[in-house]
Amino acid sequence: MIRLDAATFLLQWAVGGLFFTWITTRRREVGLGYGWMMRSVYAVMAVGSVVTGRVLGPVPVRDIAAVAVVMATLVALAVSVQRRSAGVAGQRQLVERRSARIAAMTGIDRDEQRFDPDAPEFPPVLDLVAPLIGVVGLVAGGIAAGSPAWLSVARVLVGAAFLGAVTDAMLLGHWYLVQPGLARGPLLELVRWTAWIWPVHVAVMLIPTGMISVLNGTIDDDYGGILGWMWVTCALTTLGLLVVTRLALKERQYSAVMAATGLLYLAILTAFGQDLVARAVLG
């Protein structure tokens, strides 16, 4: 049987979220503040993993990796803050185009946000360092969680990607309130990633001994099979919400982004049910 403790779960969530933060920052379209927010949130989660691991049961490789994740994330955050005057390429171009268009139409040179074109820009590759280190810790945590080790590790890694993608998509949807005019490409990319990972996540949870054993009664969930069907409901609802989110983003109105963000709120709840209900029953 496979179990997952809180320390591994927090590191899992942090690593997945940091990886998809890099997926977004590498596009050089979203403002620096988004990266600051994401790195701060996931650094706190990684710290939580370290503390929880020491209290509830240390796994040395996982815990050392979690410390390294915190350090790498803070280094990326510090470099981004230090180079904030450069902004990001896509945002600079958007501001310049808008300023030029407004000046051409009205003859008024608006006081827009200014960037230093000679300042070095934040290198997005720094956002990839922490999740790469974190994978080592997740493998160690998966091995320590139970046997078969390969299945435990697969569930931890796929779960990290799944939860990270859906969480980042929801948070990025809110960022459109801060950065009006941001193209929908970054959000669409995260929604696509979540949809691509969904069938893989379902598959690793079904592999024996998995949720099939719960659904056919081989594993007793102590609730007459309700938890097994709850998992099925969460999985199908998550997929449905991702499909509807994608359809909402096809609409041209700006309100479509806010509608998609609301749908992603719900998708986070069902995605966590899809992941954690399976782990609770199988553990």
Protein backbone atom coordinates (compact mmCIF):
# COMPACT_ATOMS: atom_id res chain seq x y z
CA MET A 1 0.00 0.00 0.00
CA ILE A 2 1.16 3.52 -0.76
CA ARG A 3 0.91 6.47 1.58
CA LEU A 4 1.90 10.12 1.22
CA ASP A 5 2.86 12.26 4.18
CA ALA A 6 2.35 15.99 4.51
CA ALA A 7 6.01 16.87 3.94
CA THR A 8 6.14 15.08 0.61
CA PHE A 9 2.79 16.58 -0.40
CA LEU A 10 3.93 20.15 0.32
CA LEU A 11 7.16 19.62 -1.58
CA GLN A 12 5.18 18.02 -4.40
CA TRP A 13 2.88 21.04 -4.66
CA ALA A 14 5.79 23.50 -4.49
CA VAL A 15 7.86 21.71 -7.13
CA GLY A 16 4.94 21.41 -9.54
CA GLY A 17 4.00 25.04 -9.05
CA LEU A 18 7.57 26.25 -9.56
CA PHE A 19 7.95 24.22 -12.74
CA PHE A 20 4.86 25.79 -14.27
CA THR A 21 5.98 29.20 -13.05
CA TRP A 22 8.96 28.67 -15.35
CA ILE A 23 6.62 27.56 -18.15
CA THR A 24 5.00 30.99 -17.86
CA THR A 25 8.04 33.22 -17.17
CA ARG A 26 10.00 31.75 -20.08
CA ARG A 27 7.46 33.39 -22.43
CA ARG A 28 8.61 36.86 -21.24
CA GLU A 29 5.07 38.23 -21.40
CA VAL A 30 3.79 38.28 -17.81
CA GLY A 31 4.99 41.07 -15.54
CA LEU A 32 7.71 40.50 -12.95
CA GLY A 33 5.23 40.78 -10.09
CA TYR A 34 3.63 37.50 -11.08
CA GLY A 35 6.94 35.71 -10.65
CA TRP A 36 7.51 37.41 -7.30
CA MET A 37 4.14 36.21 -6.06
CA MET A 38 4.61 32.63 -7.27
CA ARG A 39 8.14 32.23 -5.94
CA SER A 40 7.11 33.61 -2.54
CA VAL A 41 4.11 31.28 -2.27
CA TYR A 42 6.00 28.15 -3.25
CA ALA A 43 9.06 29.00 -1.15
CA VAL A 44 6.76 29.08 1.89
CA MET A 45 5.35 25.67 0.90
CA ALA A 46 8.85 24.25 0.59
CA VAL A 47 9.71 25.65 4.04
CA GLY A 48 6.55 23.95 5.31
CA SER A 49 7.80 20.70 3.83
CA VAL A 50 11.11 21.01 5.68
CA VAL A 51 9.44 21.77 9.02
CA THR A 52 6.77 19.10 8.64
CA GLY A 53 9.31 16.53 7.63
CA ARG A 54 11.40 17.15 10.71
CA VAL A 55 8.36 16.90 12.98
CA LEU A 56 6.41 14.02 11.45
CA GLY A 57 9.17 11.87 10.05
CA PRO A 58 12.38 12.87 8.32
CA VAL A 59 13.43 11.55 4.93
CA PRO A 60 16.99 12.92 4.66
CA VAL A 61 17.27 13.22 0.85
CA ARG A 62 13.81 14.72 0.54
CA ASP A 63 14.39 17.20 3.33
CA ILE A 64 17.80 18.31 2.03
CA ALA A 65 16.28 18.75 -1.43
CA ALA A 66 13.46 20.82 0.08
CA VAL A 67 16.01 23.14 1.71
CA ALA A 68 17.79 23.47 -1.64
CA VAL A 69 14.45 24.26 -3.32
CA VAL A 70 13.87 27.09 -0.85
CA MET A 71 17.35 28.51 -1.48
CA ALA A 72 17.11 28.27 -5.27
CA THR A 73 13.67 29.89 -5.24
CA LEU A 74 14.85 32.77 -3.07
CA VAL A 75 17.89 33.32 -5.31
CA ALA A 76 15.61 33.55 -8.36
CA LEU A 77 13.35 35.95 -6.46
CA ALA A 78 16.29 38.14 -5.42
CA VAL A 79 17.67 38.31 -8.98
CA SER A 80 14.23 39.20 -10.34
CA VAL A 81 13.80 42.03 -7.82
CA GLN A 82 17.32 43.30 -8.49
CA ARG A 83 16.66 43.46 -12.25
CA ARG A 84 13.12 44.84 -12.02
CA SER A 85 14.02 48.03 -13.90
CA ALA A 86 14.32 46.00 -17.13
CA GLY A 87 10.80 44.57 -16.90
CA VAL A 88 10.15 41.75 -19.36
CA ALA A 89 10.42 41.95 -23.14
CA GLY A 90 6.78 41.29 -23.94
CA GLN A 91 5.49 43.75 -21.37
CA ARG A 92 7.91 46.46 -22.56
CA GLN A 93 6.77 46.06 -26.15
CA LEU A 94 3.10 46.18 -25.16
CA VAL A 95 3.57 49.38 -23.14
CA GLU A 96 5.54 51.02 -25.96
CA ARG A 97 2.91 50.14 -28.56
CA ARG A 98 0.10 51.48 -26.39
CA SER A 99 1.95 54.70 -25.63
CA ALA A 100 2.68 55.27 -29.30
CA ARG A 101 -0.93 54.56 -30.30
CA ILE A 102 -2.37 56.91 -27.66
CA ALA A 103 0.10 59.64 -28.59
CA ALA A 104 -0.81 59.27 -32.28
CA MET A 105 -4.56 59.50 -31.59
CA THR A 106 -4.58 62.25 -28.98
CA GLY A 107 -1.25 64.01 -29.25
CA ILE A 108 -0.80 63.38 -25.53
CA ASP A 109 2.22 61.49 -24.32
CA ARG A 110 0.83 59.51 -21.39
CA ASP A 111 2.98 58.83 -18.36
CA GLU A 112 3.24 55.06 -18.78
CA GLN A 113 5.43 52.66 -16.85
CA ARG A 114 9.01 53.14 -17.96
CA PHE A 115 11.68 50.49 -18.29
CA ASP A 116 15.43 50.68 -18.63
CA PRO A 117 16.27 49.14 -22.04
CA ASP A 118 19.95 48.84 -21.09
CA ALA A 119 19.37 46.94 -17.85
CA PRO A 120 19.87 43.15 -17.91
CA GLU A 121 16.60 41.21 -17.89
CA PHE A 122 15.79 38.41 -15.45
CA PRO A 123 16.84 35.05 -16.98
CA PRO A 124 13.81 32.69 -16.74
CA VAL A 125 16.10 29.65 -16.63
CA LEU A 126 16.68 30.46 -12.95
CA ASP A 127 13.07 29.41 -12.32
CA LEU A 128 13.90 25.93 -13.59
CA VAL A 129 16.65 25.26 -11.04
CA ALA A 130 14.39 24.79 -8.00
CA PRO A 131 11.96 22.28 -9.58
CA LEU A 132 14.83 20.24 -11.01
CA ILE A 133 16.33 19.97 -7.53
CA GLY A 134 12.91 19.24 -6.12
CA VAL A 135 12.44 16.22 -8.38
CA VAL A 136 15.27 14.50 -6.48
CA GLY A 137 13.41 15.08 -3.22
CA LEU A 138 10.13 13.85 -4.69
CA VAL A 139 11.75 10.62 -5.87
CA ALA A 140 13.12 10.08 -2.38
CA GLY A 141 9.75 10.86 -0.83
CA GLY A 142 8.00 8.52 -3.24
CA ILE A 143 10.38 5.66 -2.46
CA ALA A 144 9.89 6.22 1.27
CA ALA A 145 6.09 6.30 0.84
CA GLY A 146 5.70 2.60 0.09
CA SER A 147 5.91 -0.12 -2.49
CA PRO A 148 5.99 -0.73 -5.34
CA ALA A 149 8.50 2.11 -5.41
CA TRP A 150 8.17 2.85 -9.13
CA LEU A 151 4.42 3.33 -8.81
CA SER A 152 4.74 5.47 -5.71
CA VAL A 153 7.32 7.70 -7.41
CA ALA A 154 5.19 7.95 -10.57
CA ARG A 155 2.17 9.06 -8.55
CA VAL A 156 4.16 11.68 -6.68
CA LEU A 157 5.73 13.14 -9.83
CA VAL A 158 2.55 13.13 -11.91
CA GLY A 159 0.60 14.54 -8.97
CA ALA A 160 3.15 17.34 -8.64
CA ALA A 161 2.72 18.30 -12.28
CA PHE A 162 -1.08 18.05 -12.11
CA LEU A 163 -1.55 20.13 -8.97
CA GLY A 164 1.11 22.64 -10.02
CA ALA A 165 -0.46 23.23 -13.43
CA VAL A 166 -4.02 23.76 -12.19
CA THR A 167 -2.90 25.98 -9.29
CA ASP A 168 -0.73 28.17 -11.50
CA ALA A 169 -3.52 28.47 -14.06
CA MET A 170 -5.92 29.78 -11.43
CA LEU A 171 -3.39 32.25 -10.01
CA LEU A 172 -2.43 33.47 -13.48
CA GLY A 173 -6.10 34.07 -14.26
CA HIS A 174 -6.19 36.51 -11.35
CA TRP A 175 -3.06 38.22 -12.62
CA TYR A 176 -5.01 39.52 -15.62
CA LEU A 177 -6.63 41.98 -13.20
CA VAL A 178 -3.18 43.35 -12.41
CA GLN A 179 -1.90 43.37 -16.00
CA PRO A 180 -4.81 44.33 -18.29
CA GLY A 181 -4.15 43.68 -21.95
CA LEU A 182 -2.04 40.60 -21.31
CA ALA A 183 -2.57 38.12 -24.15
CA ARG A 184 -4.35 34.88 -23.31
CA GLY A 185 -1.52 32.70 -24.55
CA PRO A 186 0.09 32.09 -21.12
CA LEU A 187 -3.23 31.09 -19.54
CA LEU A 188 -4.22 28.90 -22.47
CA GLU A 189 -0.88 27.13 -22.23
CA LEU A 190 -1.40 26.23 -18.56
CA VAL A 191 -4.94 25.02 -19.23
CA ARG A 192 -3.63 22.81 -22.05
CA TRP A 193 -0.89 21.41 -19.82
CA THR A 194 -3.45 20.55 -17.13
CA ALA A 195 -5.67 18.82 -19.68
CA TRP A 196 -2.72 16.83 -21.06
CA ILE A 197 -1.64 15.69 -17.59
CA TRP A 198 -5.18 14.72 -16.51
CA PRO A 199 -5.32 11.33 -18.31
CA VAL A 200 -1.82 10.45 -17.09
CA HIS A 201 -2.84 11.24 -13.52
CA VAL A 202 -5.98 9.11 -13.82
CA ALA A 203 -3.95 6.26 -15.33
CA VAL A 204 -1.34 6.12 -12.54
CA MET A 205 -4.11 6.09 -9.94
CA LEU A 206 -5.81 3.16 -11.67
CA ILE A 207 -2.70 0.97 -11.96
CA PRO A 208 -2.98 -1.95 -9.48
CA THR A 209 -3.06 -1.68 -6.60
CA GLY A 210 -5.14 1.36 -7.41
CA MET A 211 -8.60 2.85 -7.59
CA ILE A 212 -9.95 -0.07 -9.61
CA SER A 213 -9.46 -2.18 -6.49
CA VAL A 214 -11.51 0.36 -4.53
CA LEU A 215 -14.27 0.47 -7.14
CA ASN A 216 -14.63 -3.32 -7.35
CA GLY A 217 -14.56 -3.73 -3.57
CA THR A 218 -11.17 -5.44 -3.26
CA ILE A 219 -10.07 -2.53 -1.05
CA ASP A 220 -12.60 -1.46 1.56
CA ASP A 221 -12.76 2.32 1.93
CA ASP A 222 -14.84 1.96 5.14
CA TYR A 223 -17.64 3.97 3.52
CA GLY A 224 -19.30 1.35 1.37
CA GLY A 225 -17.42 2.38 -1.76
CA ILE A 226 -18.47 6.02 -1.61
CA LEU A 227 -14.89 7.33 -1.66
CA GLY A 228 -14.16 5.40 -4.84
CA TRP A 229 -17.11 6.95 -6.64
CA MET A 230 -16.23 10.33 -5.15
CA TRP A 231 -12.85 9.99 -6.83
CA VAL A 232 -14.51 9.16 -10.16
CA THR A 233 -16.77 12.19 -9.77
CA CYS A 234 -13.83 14.48 -8.98
CA ALA A 235 -11.85 13.20 -11.98
CA LEU A 236 -14.71 13.61 -14.44
CA THR A 237 -15.68 17.00 -13.04
CA THR A 238 -12.10 18.24 -13.33
CA LEU A 239 -12.01 17.25 -16.98
CA GLY A 240 -15.37 18.91 -17.60
CA LEU A 241 -14.24 22.13 -15.96
CA LEU A 242 -11.08 22.21 -18.07
CA VAL A 243 -13.13 21.77 -21.24
CA VAL A 244 -15.53 24.55 -20.25
CA THR A 245 -12.60 26.79 -19.28
CA ARG A 246 -11.08 26.30 -22.71
CA LEU A 247 -14.40 27.17 -24.35
CA ALA A 248 -14.75 30.28 -22.18
CA LEU A 249 -11.33 31.52 -23.29
CA LYS A 250 -12.47 31.39 -26.91
CA GLU A 251 -14.79 34.33 -26.23
CA ARG A 252 -13.33 37.71 -27.11
CA GLN A 253 -14.69 39.67 -24.15
CA TYR A 254 -12.34 40.39 -21.27
CA SER A 255 -14.92 38.96 -18.87
CA ALA A 256 -14.22 35.55 -20.40
CA VAL A 257 -10.87 35.50 -18.59
CA MET A 258 -12.58 36.15 -15.27
CA ALA A 259 -15.13 33.43 -16.01
CA ALA A 260 -12.29 31.03 -16.82
CA THR A 261 -10.59 31.96 -13.54
CA GLY A 262 -13.75 31.14 -11.61
CA LEU A 263 -13.98 27.78 -13.34
CA LEU A 264 -10.35 27.10 -12.47
CA TYR A 265 -11.17 27.81 -8.82
CA LEU A 266 -13.59 24.90 -8.98
CA ALA A 267 -11.11 22.80 -10.94
CA ILE A 268 -8.57 23.17 -8.12
CA LEU A 269 -11.06 21.73 -5.64
CA THR A 270 -11.94 18.77 -7.83
CA ALA A 271 -8.29 18.23 -8.86
CA PHE A 272 -7.26 18.04 -5.22
CA GLY A 273 -10.09 15.58 -4.65
CA GLN A 274 -8.85 13.57 -7.62
CA ASP A 275 -5.37 13.39 -6.11
CA LEU A 276 -5.94 13.29 -2.35
CA VAL A 277 -9.01 11.04 -2.22
CA ALA A 278 -7.04 8.38 -4.10
CA ARG A 279 -4.07 8.76 -1.77
CA ALA A 280 -6.28 8.63 1.34
CA VAL A 281 -7.96 5.42 0.21
CA LEU A 282 -4.84 3.72 -1.11
CA GLY A 283 -2.77 4.75 1.88
